[in-house]
C-alpha atoms as a PDB file:
ATOM      1  CA  UNK A   1      12.153 -28.933 -45.044  1.00  0.00           C
ATOM      2  CA  UNK A   2       9.036 -27.202 -46.324  1.00  0.00           C
ATOM      3  CA  UNK A   3       7.950 -24.021 -44.553  1.00  0.00           C
ATOM      4  CA  UNK A   4       4.478 -23.725 -43.074  1.00  0.00           C
ATOM      5  CA  UNK A   5       2.474 -20.759 -44.315  1.00  0.00           C
ATOM      6  CA  UNK A   6      -0.359 -19.045 -42.502  1.00  0.00           C
ATOM      7  CA  UNK A   7      -3.003 -16.588 -43.659  1.00  0.00           C
ATOM      8  CA  UNK A   8      -6.298 -15.016 -42.611  1.00  0.00           C
ATOM      9  CA  UNK A   9      -9.261 -15.728 -44.861  1.00  0.00           C
ATOM     10  CA  UNK A  10     -13.006 -15.991 -45.244  1.00  0.00           C
ATOM     11  CA  UNK A  11     -13.894 -19.517 -46.325  1.00  0.00           C
ATOM     12  CA  UNK A  12     -16.517 -20.035 -49.003  1.00  0.00           C
ATOM     13  CA  UNK A  13     -19.362 -22.347 -47.887  1.00  0.00           C
ATOM     14  CA  UNK A  14     -18.722 -25.837 -49.240  1.00  0.00           C
ATOM     15  CA  UNK A  15     -22.030 -26.169 -51.091  1.00  0.00           C
ATOM     16  CA  UNK A  16     -21.355 -22.964 -53.010  1.00  0.00           C
ATOM     17  CA  UNK A  17     -17.771 -23.943 -53.833  1.00  0.00           C
ATOM     18  CA  UNK A  18     -18.888 -27.371 -55.078  1.00  0.00           C
ATOM     19  CA  UNK A  19     -21.484 -25.754 -57.351  1.00  0.00           C
ATOM     20  CA  UNK A  20     -18.919 -23.263 -58.683  1.00  0.00           C
ATOM     21  CA  UNK A  21     -16.406 -25.960 -59.498  1.00  0.00           C
ATOM     22  CA  UNK A  22     -19.014 -28.170 -61.176  1.00  0.00           C
ATOM     23  CA  UNK A  23     -20.166 -25.219 -63.298  1.00  0.00           C
ATOM     24  CA  UNK A  24     -16.622 -24.345 -64.357  1.00  0.00           C
ATOM     25  CA  UNK A  25     -15.476 -27.899 -65.023  1.00  0.00           C
ATOM     26  CA  UNK A  26     -18.318 -28.294 -67.534  1.00  0.00           C
ATOM     27  CA  UNK A  27     -16.246 -26.041 -69.770  1.00  0.00           C
ATOM     28  CA  UNK A  28     -13.408 -28.620 -69.846  1.00  0.00           C
ATOM     29  CA  UNK A  29     -10.800 -26.005 -69.010  1.00  0.00           C
ATOM     30  CA  UNK A  30      -7.263 -27.380 -69.071  1.00  0.00           C
ATOM     31  CA  UNK A  31      -5.672 -26.261 -65.830  1.00  0.00           C
ATOM     32  CA  UNK A  32      -2.893 -28.293 -64.251  1.00  0.00           C
ATOM     33  CA  UNK A  33      -4.279 -27.884 -60.723  1.00  0.00           C
ATOM     34  CA  UNK A  34      -7.876 -27.288 -59.658  1.00  0.00           C
ATOM     35  CA  UNK A  35      -8.287 -26.042 -56.083  1.00  0.00           C
ATOM     36  CA  UNK A  36     -10.273 -28.434 -53.896  1.00  0.00           C
ATOM     37  CA  UNK A  37     -13.719 -26.887 -53.190  1.00  0.00           C
ATOM     38  CA  UNK A  38     -13.093 -27.159 -49.421  1.00  0.00           C
ATOM     39  CA  UNK A  39     -10.117 -24.807 -49.916  1.00  0.00           C
ATOM     40  CA  UNK A  40     -12.041 -21.963 -51.620  1.00  0.00           C
ATOM     41  CA  UNK A  41     -11.485 -18.748 -49.680  1.00  0.00           C
ATOM     42  CA  UNK A  42     -10.891 -14.997 -49.887  1.00  0.00           C
ATOM     43  CA  UNK A  43      -7.483 -14.102 -48.410  1.00  0.00           C
ATOM     44  CA  UNK A  44      -7.505 -11.131 -46.039  1.00  0.00           C
ATOM     45  CA  UNK A  45      -3.772 -11.192 -45.192  1.00  0.00           C
ATOM     46  CA  UNK A  46      -1.103 -13.685 -46.238  1.00  0.00           C
ATOM     47  CA  UNK A  47       1.351 -14.027 -43.358  1.00  0.00           C
ATOM     48  CA  UNK A  48       3.711 -16.597 -44.823  1.00  0.00           C
ATOM     49  CA  UNK A  49       6.069 -18.347 -42.443  1.00  0.00           C
ATOM     50  CA  UNK A  50       5.853 -16.563 -39.059  1.00  0.00           C
ATOM     51  CA  UNK A  51       9.107 -15.442 -37.427  1.00  0.00           C
ATOM     52  CA  UNK A  52       7.985 -17.340 -34.308  1.00  0.00           C
ATOM     53  CA  UNK A  53       4.967 -19.168 -32.929  1.00  0.00           C
ATOM     54  CA  UNK A  54       4.678 -16.576 -30.160  1.00  0.00           C
ATOM     55  CA  UNK A  55       4.231 -13.709 -32.656  1.00  0.00           C
ATOM     56  CA  UNK A  56       1.512 -15.677 -34.454  1.00  0.00           C
ATOM     57  CA  UNK A  57      -0.185 -16.548 -31.144  1.00  0.00           C
ATOM     58  CA  UNK A  58      -0.040 -12.919 -29.954  1.00  0.00           C
ATOM     59  CA  UNK A  59      -1.619 -11.715 -33.188  1.00  0.00           C
ATOM     60  CA  UNK A  60      -4.400 -14.316 -32.928  1.00  0.00           C
ATOM     61  CA  UNK A  61      -5.035 -13.336 -29.300  1.00  0.00           C
ATOM     62  CA  UNK A  62      -5.219  -9.650 -30.247  1.00  0.00           C
ATOM     63  CA  UNK A  63      -7.709 -10.350 -33.041  1.00  0.00           C
ATOM     64  CA  UNK A  64      -9.799 -12.540 -30.704  1.00  0.00           C
ATOM     65  CA  UNK A  65     -10.280  -9.499 -28.436  1.00  0.00           C
ATOM     66  CA  UNK A  66     -11.200  -7.179 -31.305  1.00  0.00           C
ATOM     67  CA  UNK A  67     -14.778  -5.960 -31.648  1.00  0.00           C
ATOM     68  CA  UNK A  68     -15.867  -6.928 -35.145  1.00  0.00           C
ATOM     69  CA  UNK A  69     -18.728  -5.725 -37.272  1.00  0.00           C
ATOM     70  CA  UNK A  70     -21.750  -7.951 -37.587  1.00  0.00           C
ATOM     71  CA  UNK A  71     -21.820 -10.700 -40.233  1.00  0.00           C
ATOM     72  CA  UNK A  72     -22.248  -9.392 -43.746  1.00  0.00           C
ATOM     73  CA  UNK A  73     -23.383 -10.730 -47.066  1.00  0.00           C
ATOM     74  CA  UNK A  74     -20.936 -11.505 -49.885  1.00  0.00           C
ATOM     75  CA  UNK A  75     -21.854 -12.126 -53.492  1.00  0.00           C
ATOM     76  CA  UNK A  76     -19.535 -14.056 -55.797  1.00  0.00           C
ATOM     77  CA  UNK A  77     -19.609 -12.697 -59.318  1.00  0.00           C
ATOM     78  CA  UNK A  78     -17.597 -13.225 -62.462  1.00  0.00           C
ATOM     79  CA  UNK A  79     -14.200 -14.726 -63.196  1.00  0.00           C
ATOM     80  CA  UNK A  80     -10.766 -13.465 -64.146  1.00  0.00           C
ATOM     81  CA  UNK A  81      -7.134 -14.456 -64.453  1.00  0.00           C
ATOM     82  CA  UNK A  82      -3.694 -13.430 -63.244  1.00  0.00           C
ATOM     83  CA  UNK A  83      -0.772 -13.797 -65.591  1.00  0.00           C
ATOM     84  CA  UNK A  84      -0.617 -13.825 -69.382  1.00  0.00           C
ATOM     85  CA  UNK A  85      -4.067 -13.797 -71.011  1.00  0.00           C
ATOM     86  CA  UNK A  86      -3.179 -16.673 -73.343  1.00  0.00           C
ATOM     87  CA  UNK A  87      -1.741 -18.897 -70.611  1.00  0.00           C
ATOM     88  CA  UNK A  88      -2.835 -17.673 -67.154  1.00  0.00           C
ATOM     89  CA  UNK A  89      -1.153 -18.666 -63.891  1.00  0.00           C
ATOM     90  CA  UNK A  90      -4.325 -18.241 -61.810  1.00  0.00           C
ATOM     91  CA  UNK A  91      -8.024 -18.554 -62.663  1.00  0.00           C
ATOM     92  CA  UNK A  92     -10.277 -16.894 -60.095  1.00  0.00           C
ATOM     93  CA  UNK A  93     -13.812 -15.838 -59.191  1.00  0.00           C
ATOM     94  CA  UNK A  94     -14.473 -12.338 -57.919  1.00  0.00           C
ATOM     95  CA  UNK A  95     -16.930 -10.724 -55.559  1.00  0.00           C
ATOM     96  CA  UNK A  96     -19.248  -7.780 -55.832  1.00  0.00           C
ATOM     97  CA  UNK A  97     -17.881  -4.778 -53.951  1.00  0.00           C
ATOM     98  CA  UNK A  98     -18.491  -5.013 -50.210  1.00  0.00           C
ATOM     99  CA  UNK A  99     -17.565  -2.139 -47.939  1.00  0.00           C
ATOM    100  CA  UNK A 100     -17.772  -4.494 -44.940  1.00  0.00           C
ATOM    101  CA  UNK A 101     -15.231  -6.830 -46.554  1.00  0.00           C
ATOM    102  CA  UNK A 102     -12.888  -3.908 -47.257  1.00  0.00           C
ATOM    103  CA  UNK A 103     -13.114  -2.729 -43.622  1.00  0.00           C
ATOM    104  CA  UNK A 104     -12.500  -6.258 -42.274  1.00  0.00           C
ATOM    105  CA  UNK A 105      -9.501  -6.807 -44.558  1.00  0.00           C
ATOM    106  CA  UNK A 106      -8.026  -3.438 -43.610  1.00  0.00           C
ATOM    107  CA  UNK A 107      -8.284  -4.170 -39.854  1.00  0.00           C
ATOM    108  CA  UNK A 108      -6.757  -7.661 -40.204  1.00  0.00           C
ATOM    109  CA  UNK A 109      -4.019  -6.361 -42.516  1.00  0.00           C
ATOM    110  CA  UNK A 110      -3.074  -3.492 -40.162  1.00  0.00           C
ATOM    111  CA  UNK A 111      -3.004  -5.767 -37.100  1.00  0.00           C
ATOM    112  CA  UNK A 112      -0.761  -8.211 -38.990  1.00  0.00           C
ATOM    113  CA  UNK A 113       1.636  -5.412 -39.983  1.00  0.00           C
ATOM    114  CA  UNK A 114       1.725  -4.104 -36.404  1.00  0.00           C
ATOM    115  CA  UNK A 115       2.603  -7.620 -35.207  1.00  0.00           C
ATOM    116  CA  UNK A 116       5.676  -7.533 -37.452  1.00  0.00           C
ATOM    117  CA  UNK A 117       4.589  -9.547 -40.495  1.00  0.00           C
ATOM    118  CA  UNK A 118       5.879  -8.524 -43.929  1.00  0.00           C
ATOM    119  CA  UNK A 119       2.751  -8.372 -46.095  1.00  0.00           C
ATOM    120  CA  UNK A 120       2.119  -7.898 -49.802  1.00  0.00           C
ATOM    121  CA  UNK A 121       1.799  -4.177 -50.568  1.00  0.00           C
ATOM    122  CA  UNK A 122      -0.491  -4.620 -53.594  1.00  0.00           C
ATOM    123  CA  UNK A 123      -4.027  -3.244 -53.219  1.00  0.00           C
ATOM    124  CA  UNK A 124      -6.572  -5.718 -51.906  1.00  0.00           C
ATOM    125  CA  UNK A 125      -8.314  -7.507 -54.786  1.00  0.00           C
ATOM    126  CA  UNK A 126     -10.822  -9.938 -53.252  1.00  0.00           C
ATOM    127  CA  UNK A 127     -10.898 -13.170 -55.224  1.00  0.00           C
ATOM    128  CA  UNK A 128     -11.244 -16.937 -54.883  1.00  0.00           C
ATOM    129  CA  UNK A 129      -8.511 -18.968 -56.568  1.00  0.00           C
ATOM    130  CA  UNK A 130     -10.190 -21.731 -58.576  1.00  0.00           C
ATOM    131  CA  UNK A 131      -7.337 -23.241 -60.600  1.00  0.00           C
ATOM    132  CA  UNK A 132      -3.632 -22.797 -61.364  1.00  0.00           C
ATOM    133  CA  UNK A 133      -1.395 -23.144 -64.427  1.00  0.00           C
ATOM    134  CA  UNK A 134      -3.081 -23.257 -67.813  1.00  0.00           C
ATOM    135  CA  UNK A 135      -2.017 -26.608 -69.299  1.00  0.00           C
ATOM    136  CA  UNK A 136      -3.260 -26.493 -72.891  1.00  0.00           C
ATOM    137  CA  UNK A 137      -1.423 -25.477 -76.044  1.00  0.00           C
ATOM    138  CA  UNK A 138      -4.619 -23.653 -77.033  1.00  0.00           C
ATOM    139  CA  UNK A 139      -5.002 -19.993 -76.118  1.00  0.00           C
ATOM    140  CA  UNK A 140      -7.065 -19.620 -72.908  1.00  0.00           C
ATOM    141  CA  UNK A 141      -8.870 -16.520 -74.225  1.00  0.00           C
ATOM    142  CA  UNK A 142     -10.002 -18.431 -77.316  1.00  0.00           C
ATOM    143  CA  UNK A 143     -10.992 -21.555 -75.341  1.00  0.00           C
ATOM    144  CA  UNK A 144     -12.828 -20.020 -72.396  1.00  0.00           C
ATOM    145  CA  UNK A 145     -16.392 -18.890 -72.712  1.00  0.00           C
ATOM    146  CA  UNK A 146     -17.729 -16.967 -69.733  1.00  0.00           C
ATOM    147  CA  UNK A 147     -19.532 -19.583 -67.641  1.00  0.00           C
ATOM    148  CA  UNK A 148     -23.267 -19.509 -67.260  1.00  0.00           C
ATOM    149  CA  UNK A 149     -23.639 -17.062 -64.407  1.00  0.00           C
ATOM    150  CA  UNK A 150     -21.104 -17.277 -61.628  1.00  0.00           C
ATOM    151  CA  UNK A 151     -23.430 -14.810 -59.956  1.00  0.00           C
ATOM    152  CA  UNK A 152     -26.929 -14.647 -58.569  1.00  0.00           C
ATOM    153  CA  UNK A 153     -28.652 -16.017 -55.496  1.00  0.00           C
ATOM    154  CA  UNK A 154     -26.794 -19.357 -55.679  1.00  0.00           C
ATOM    155  CA  UNK A 155     -23.518 -17.524 -55.034  1.00  0.00           C
ATOM    156  CA  UNK A 156     -24.478 -15.281 -52.107  1.00  0.00           C
ATOM    157  CA  UNK A 157     -23.538 -16.149 -48.528  1.00  0.00           C
ATOM    158  CA  UNK A 158     -23.182 -14.576 -45.098  1.00  0.00           C
ATOM    159  CA  UNK A 159     -19.633 -14.080 -43.861  1.00  0.00           C
ATOM    160  CA  UNK A 160     -20.120 -15.028 -40.200  1.00  0.00           C
ATOM    161  CA  UNK A 161     -16.424 -15.426 -39.409  1.00  0.00           C
ATOM    162  CA  UNK A 162     -12.907 -15.372 -40.735  1.00  0.00           C
ATOM    163  CA  UNK A 163     -10.158 -17.854 -39.965  1.00  0.00           C
ATOM    164  CA  UNK A 164      -6.451 -18.215 -39.427  1.00  0.00           C
ATOM    165  CA  UNK A 165      -5.485 -20.994 -41.836  1.00  0.00           C
ATOM    166  CA  UNK A 166      -2.377 -23.144 -42.062  1.00  0.00           C
ATOM    167  CA  UNK A 167      -1.172 -24.631 -45.352  1.00  0.00           C
ATOM    168  CA  UNK A 168      -0.455 -28.375 -45.447  1.00  0.00           C
ATOM    169  CA  UNK A 169       1.054 -28.758 -48.935  1.00  0.00           C
ATOM    170  CA  UNK A 170       0.990 -32.567 -48.965  1.00  0.00           C
ATOM    171  CA  UNK A 171      -2.714 -32.869 -48.058  1.00  0.00           C
ATOM    172  CA  UNK A 172      -5.963 -32.451 -49.955  1.00  0.00           C
ATOM    173  CA  UNK A 173      -7.755 -30.321 -48.962  1.00  0.00           C
ATOM    174  CA  UNK A 174      -4.674 -28.436 -47.810  1.00  0.00           C
ATOM    175  CA  UNK A 175      -5.928 -25.571 -45.622  1.00  0.00           C
ATOM    176  CA  UNK A 176      -6.389 -26.303 -41.924  1.00  0.00           C
ATOM    177  CA  UNK A 177      -8.251 -23.970 -39.563  1.00  0.00           C
ATOM    178  CA  UNK A 178      -6.025 -22.914 -36.666  1.00  0.00           C
ATOM    179  CA  UNK A 179      -8.298 -20.254 -35.184  1.00  0.00           C
ATOM    180  CA  UNK A 180     -11.815 -18.993 -35.896  1.00  0.00           C
ATOM    181  CA  UNK A 181     -12.795 -15.329 -35.393  1.00  0.00           C
ATOM    182  CA  UNK A 182     -16.549 -14.863 -35.114  1.00  0.00           C
ATOM    183  CA  UNK A 183     -18.191 -11.800 -36.579  1.00  0.00           C
ATOM    184  CA  UNK A 184     -21.282 -12.424 -34.463  1.00  0.00           C
ATOM    185  CA  UNK A 185     -22.259  -9.888 -31.840  1.00  0.00           C
ATOM    186  CA  UNK A 186     -20.732 -10.882 -28.488  1.00  0.00           C
END
């Protein structure tokens, strides 16, 4: 039986994610799996399979009571890869530095650790996974030309909330919102 994974994330507005994917697919990049635009997000904390539903529910309830900063603006800029340069595992888009995003991620991460979740210890590197598994025999670095501006006003949005998402591996799109945490002033 497949495990259910949960994570906290900021979703990318659908119009922006559709534009990003259309821009990138013009380059005919050979990735095995392209992420559905409705699934574009920035992970704040990957929880994995919770030890129990009650621990997950308690964490969500705690975060619901938290006083959050006001919404903030995020700007998507540039692309990169994880894995070997010639045959990357992950193709992603980045963001311009945002102190508000760093503070939000830190608070969510700490609350998740305090609740008992085992989290990745690597430094936070905000990114949006676009595609997985380079599928061409050609070298990615030689094939890929930097796309025409994954940056600018078309790729700026207000982060008004973050969400607890559940992964449904057999569905497309595969991320389901379980809980929404508003960044609006209460």
